[in-house]
Amino acid sequence: QEKLVESGGDSVQAGGSLRLSCVASEYTTCMAWFRQAPGKEREEVAFIYTSGGSSSYADSVKGRFTISHDYANNILSLQMNSLKPEDTAMYYCATSVGYGGSWYRLGSLRCRFPYWGQGTQVTVSS
């Protein structure tokens, strides 16, 4: 069974940077970052196909966030620059290992995610 361990969340000032990491126990074709702010629905942030490296981003983070996958160590990362207070949320990684899960689309990428991490909190103050 897939196990996902996230880290890297912290409290930073607006304009600052953070790098989130998610260590996965199983390899898969599609991995992603989602986020959920208090009182709001969970939203897609960034997707990546681990084979080929195609990626897709939410409009709100384009040009500021970069998703990447370290294949050797099976670590999904999210480099977040120029952070804004509206980026404050719990960030979750998700993977498409195995079967089941709901389908999500972000840009040209469409994946299903049966497995989710426990989340890591990002707080950006103005």
C-alpha atoms as a PDB file:
ATOM      1  CA  GLN A   1       0.000   0.000   0.000  1.00  0.00           C
ATOM      2  CA  GLU A   2       1.261   3.432  -0.935  1.00  0.00           C
ATOM      3  CA  LYS A   3       2.637   5.570   1.881  1.00  0.00           C
ATOM      4  CA  LEU A   4       3.147   9.311   1.426  1.00  0.00           C
ATOM      5  CA  VAL A   5       5.076  11.479   3.882  1.00  0.00           C
ATOM      6  CA  GLU A   6       5.009  15.241   3.343  1.00  0.00           C
ATOM      7  CA  SER A   7       7.274  17.847   4.874  1.00  0.00           C
ATOM      8  CA  GLY A   8       8.453  21.407   4.376  1.00  0.00           C
ATOM      9  CA  GLY A   9       5.444  23.396   5.487  1.00  0.00           C
ATOM     10  CA  ASP A  10       6.171  26.473   7.576  1.00  0.00           C
ATOM     11  CA  SER A  11       5.166  30.059   8.347  1.00  0.00           C
ATOM     12  CA  VAL A  12       6.770  32.688   6.106  1.00  0.00           C
ATOM     13  CA  GLN A  13       6.383  36.320   5.163  1.00  0.00           C
ATOM     14  CA  ALA A  14       4.795  37.299   1.871  1.00  0.00           C
ATOM     15  CA  GLY A  15       7.362  37.205  -0.901  1.00  0.00           C
ATOM     16  CA  GLY A  16       9.220  34.348   0.713  1.00  0.00           C
ATOM     17  CA  SER A  17       9.859  30.823  -0.533  1.00  0.00           C
ATOM     18  CA  LEU A  18       9.254  27.295   0.657  1.00  0.00           C
ATOM     19  CA  ARG A  19       9.962  23.860  -0.727  1.00  0.00           C
ATOM     20  CA  LEU A  20       7.543  21.051   0.031  1.00  0.00           C
ATOM     21  CA  SER A  21       8.564  17.407  -0.268  1.00  0.00           C
ATOM     22  CA  CYS A  22       6.575  14.194  -0.426  1.00  0.00           C
ATOM     23  CA  VAL A  23       8.355  10.871  -0.096  1.00  0.00           C
ATOM     24  CA  ALA A  24       6.416   8.094  -1.825  1.00  0.00           C
ATOM     25  CA  SER A  25       6.836   4.372  -1.206  1.00  0.00           C
ATOM     26  CA  GLU A  26       5.553   3.264  -4.631  1.00  0.00           C
ATOM     27  CA  TYR A  27       6.272   4.442  -8.164  1.00  0.00           C
ATOM     28  CA  THR A  28       3.423   5.675 -10.334  1.00  0.00           C
ATOM     29  CA  THR A  29       2.710   7.677 -13.457  1.00  0.00           C
ATOM     30  CA  CYS A  30       1.013  10.741 -12.044  1.00  0.00           C
ATOM     31  CA  MET A  31       1.605  12.727  -8.863  1.00  0.00           C
ATOM     32  CA  ALA A  32       0.184  15.992  -7.682  1.00  0.00           C
ATOM     33  CA  TRP A  33      -0.086  18.708  -5.078  1.00  0.00           C
ATOM     34  CA  PHE A  34      -3.439  19.950  -3.827  1.00  0.00           C
ATOM     35  CA  ARG A  35      -4.255  22.500  -1.150  1.00  0.00           C
ATOM     36  CA  GLN A  36      -7.164  23.353   1.078  1.00  0.00           C
ATOM     37  CA  ALA A  37      -7.618  26.621   2.919  1.00  0.00           C
ATOM     38  CA  PRO A  38      -9.953  26.910   5.933  1.00  0.00           C
ATOM     39  CA  GLY A  39     -13.561  27.139   4.826  1.00  0.00           C
ATOM     40  CA  LYS A  40     -12.707  26.429   1.200  1.00  0.00           C
ATOM     41  CA  GLU A  41     -12.805  23.390  -1.036  1.00  0.00           C
ATOM     42  CA  ARG A  42      -9.662  21.452  -1.862  1.00  0.00           C
ATOM     43  CA  GLU A  43      -8.109  22.694  -5.092  1.00  0.00           C
ATOM     44  CA  GLU A  44      -5.572  21.409  -7.575  1.00  0.00           C
ATOM     45  CA  VAL A  45      -2.193  23.149  -7.456  1.00  0.00           C
ATOM     46  CA  ALA A  46       0.120  21.205  -9.761  1.00  0.00           C
ATOM     47  CA  PHE A  47       0.271  17.834 -11.535  1.00  0.00           C
ATOM     48  CA  ILE A  48       3.218  15.983 -13.025  1.00  0.00           C
ATOM     49  CA  TYR A  49       3.595  12.887 -15.184  1.00  0.00           C
ATOM     50  CA  THR A  50       6.640  11.151 -13.720  1.00  0.00           C
ATOM     51  CA  SER A  51       7.496   9.598 -17.078  1.00  0.00           C
ATOM     52  CA  GLY A  52       8.379  12.441 -19.389  1.00  0.00           C
ATOM     53  CA  GLY A  53       7.933  15.189 -16.839  1.00  0.00           C
ATOM     54  CA  SER A  54       4.884  16.925 -18.303  1.00  0.00           C
ATOM     55  CA  SER A  55       3.384  19.253 -15.737  1.00  0.00           C
ATOM     56  CA  SER A  56       0.397  21.475 -15.279  1.00  0.00           C
ATOM     57  CA  TYR A  57      -0.371  24.308 -12.872  1.00  0.00           C
ATOM     58  CA  ALA A  58      -3.325  26.175 -11.488  1.00  0.00           C
ATOM     59  CA  ASP A  59      -3.508  29.702 -12.898  1.00  0.00           C
ATOM     60  CA  SER A  60      -3.084  31.123  -9.407  1.00  0.00           C
ATOM     61  CA  VAL A  61       0.397  29.616  -9.018  1.00  0.00           C
ATOM     62  CA  LYS A  62       1.777  29.683 -12.570  1.00  0.00           C
ATOM     63  CA  GLY A  63       5.176  31.315 -12.729  1.00  0.00           C
ATOM     64  CA  ARG A  64       5.638  31.069  -8.965  1.00  0.00           C
ATOM     65  CA  PHE A  65       5.457  27.335  -8.183  1.00  0.00           C
ATOM     66  CA  THR A  66       7.417  24.477  -9.746  1.00  0.00           C
ATOM     67  CA  ILE A  67       6.549  20.800  -9.358  1.00  0.00           C
ATOM     68  CA  SER A  68       9.281  18.193  -9.819  1.00  0.00           C
ATOM     69  CA  HIS A  69       9.917  14.504  -9.243  1.00  0.00           C
ATOM     70  CA  ASP A  70      13.194  12.931  -8.148  1.00  0.00           C
ATOM     71  CA  TYR A  71      12.868   9.493  -9.701  1.00  0.00           C
ATOM     72  CA  ALA A  72      15.875   7.960  -7.938  1.00  0.00           C
ATOM     73  CA  ASN A  73      14.441   8.696  -4.512  1.00  0.00           C
ATOM     74  CA  ASN A  74      10.773   8.866  -5.510  1.00  0.00           C
ATOM     75  CA  ILE A  75      10.332  12.295  -3.970  1.00  0.00           C
ATOM     76  CA  LEU A  76       7.748  14.742  -5.233  1.00  0.00           C
ATOM     77  CA  SER A  77       8.613  18.395  -4.594  1.00  0.00           C
ATOM     78  CA  LEU A  78       6.896  21.738  -4.891  1.00  0.00           C
ATOM     79  CA  GLN A  79       9.117  24.815  -4.993  1.00  0.00           C
ATOM     80  CA  MET A  80       7.023  27.801  -4.004  1.00  0.00           C
ATOM     81  CA  ASN A  81       8.378  31.289  -4.650  1.00  0.00           C
ATOM     82  CA  SER A  82       6.880  34.767  -4.251  1.00  0.00           C
ATOM     83  CA  LEU A  83       4.415  33.421  -1.732  1.00  0.00           C
ATOM     84  CA  LYS A  84       1.235  35.364  -1.072  1.00  0.00           C
ATOM     85  CA  PRO A  85      -1.130  35.328   1.915  1.00  0.00           C
ATOM     86  CA  GLU A  86      -3.715  33.633  -0.316  1.00  0.00           C
ATOM     87  CA  ASP A  87      -1.336  30.661  -0.636  1.00  0.00           C
ATOM     88  CA  THR A  88      -2.010  29.871   3.024  1.00  0.00           C
ATOM     89  CA  ALA A  89      -3.448  26.347   3.182  1.00  0.00           C
ATOM     90  CA  MET A  90      -2.823  22.746   4.070  1.00  0.00           C
ATOM     91  CA  TYR A  91      -0.928  21.202   1.165  1.00  0.00           C
ATOM     92  CA  TYR A  92      -1.407  17.557   0.237  1.00  0.00           C
ATOM     93  CA  CYS A  93       0.444  15.307  -2.162  1.00  0.00           C
ATOM     94  CA  ALA A  94      -1.424  12.633  -4.057  1.00  0.00           C
ATOM     95  CA  THR A  95      -0.441   9.724  -6.283  1.00  0.00           C
ATOM     96  CA  SER A  96      -2.147   7.470  -8.806  1.00  0.00           C
ATOM     97  CA  VAL A  97      -0.780   4.162  -7.487  1.00  0.00           C
ATOM     98  CA  GLY A  98      -3.075   1.169  -7.967  1.00  0.00           C
ATOM     99  CA  TYR A  99      -6.775   1.483  -8.669  1.00  0.00           C
ATOM    100  CA  GLY A 100      -9.680   3.576  -7.553  1.00  0.00           C
ATOM    101  CA  GLY A 101      -9.782   7.184  -6.511  1.00  0.00           C
ATOM    102  CA  SER A 102     -11.472  10.144  -8.121  1.00  0.00           C
ATOM    103  CA  TRP A 103     -10.397  11.687 -11.417  1.00  0.00           C
ATOM    104  CA  TYR A 104      -9.037  15.202 -11.529  1.00  0.00           C
ATOM    105  CA  ARG A 105      -8.020  17.398 -14.447  1.00  0.00           C
ATOM    106  CA  LEU A 106      -5.550  20.254 -14.454  1.00  0.00           C
ATOM    107  CA  GLY A 107      -4.753  21.772 -17.816  1.00  0.00           C
ATOM    108  CA  SER A 108      -3.957  18.954 -20.227  1.00  0.00           C
ATOM    109  CA  LEU A 109      -3.274  16.396 -17.487  1.00  0.00           C
ATOM    110  CA  ARG A 110      -5.977  14.084 -16.140  1.00  0.00           C
ATOM    111  CA  CYS A 111      -5.234  11.658 -13.328  1.00  0.00           C
ATOM    112  CA  ARG A 112      -6.988   9.760 -10.570  1.00  0.00           C
ATOM    113  CA  PHE A 113      -5.682   9.788  -7.036  1.00  0.00           C
ATOM    114  CA  PRO A 114      -6.433   6.940  -4.635  1.00  0.00           C
ATOM    115  CA  TYR A 115      -3.675   7.909  -2.197  1.00  0.00           C
ATOM    116  CA  TRP A 116      -3.174  11.133  -0.270  1.00  0.00           C
ATOM    117  CA  GLY A 117      -0.626  12.330   2.246  1.00  0.00           C
ATOM    118  CA  GLN A 118      -1.462  13.689   5.679  1.00  0.00           C
ATOM    119  CA  GLY A 119      -0.801  17.288   4.677  1.00  0.00           C
ATOM    120  CA  THR A 120       1.729  19.959   5.576  1.00  0.00           C
ATOM    121  CA  GLN A 121       0.676  23.461   6.642  1.00  0.00           C
ATOM    122  CA  VAL A 122       1.838  26.560   4.790  1.00  0.00           C
ATOM    123  CA  THR A 123       1.074  29.933   6.357  1.00  0.00           C
ATOM    124  CA  VAL A 124       1.985  33.173   4.591  1.00  0.00           C
ATOM    125  CA  SER A 125       1.677  36.431   6.514  1.00  0.00           C
ATOM    126  CA  SER A 126       1.469  39.888   4.974  1.00  0.00           C
END
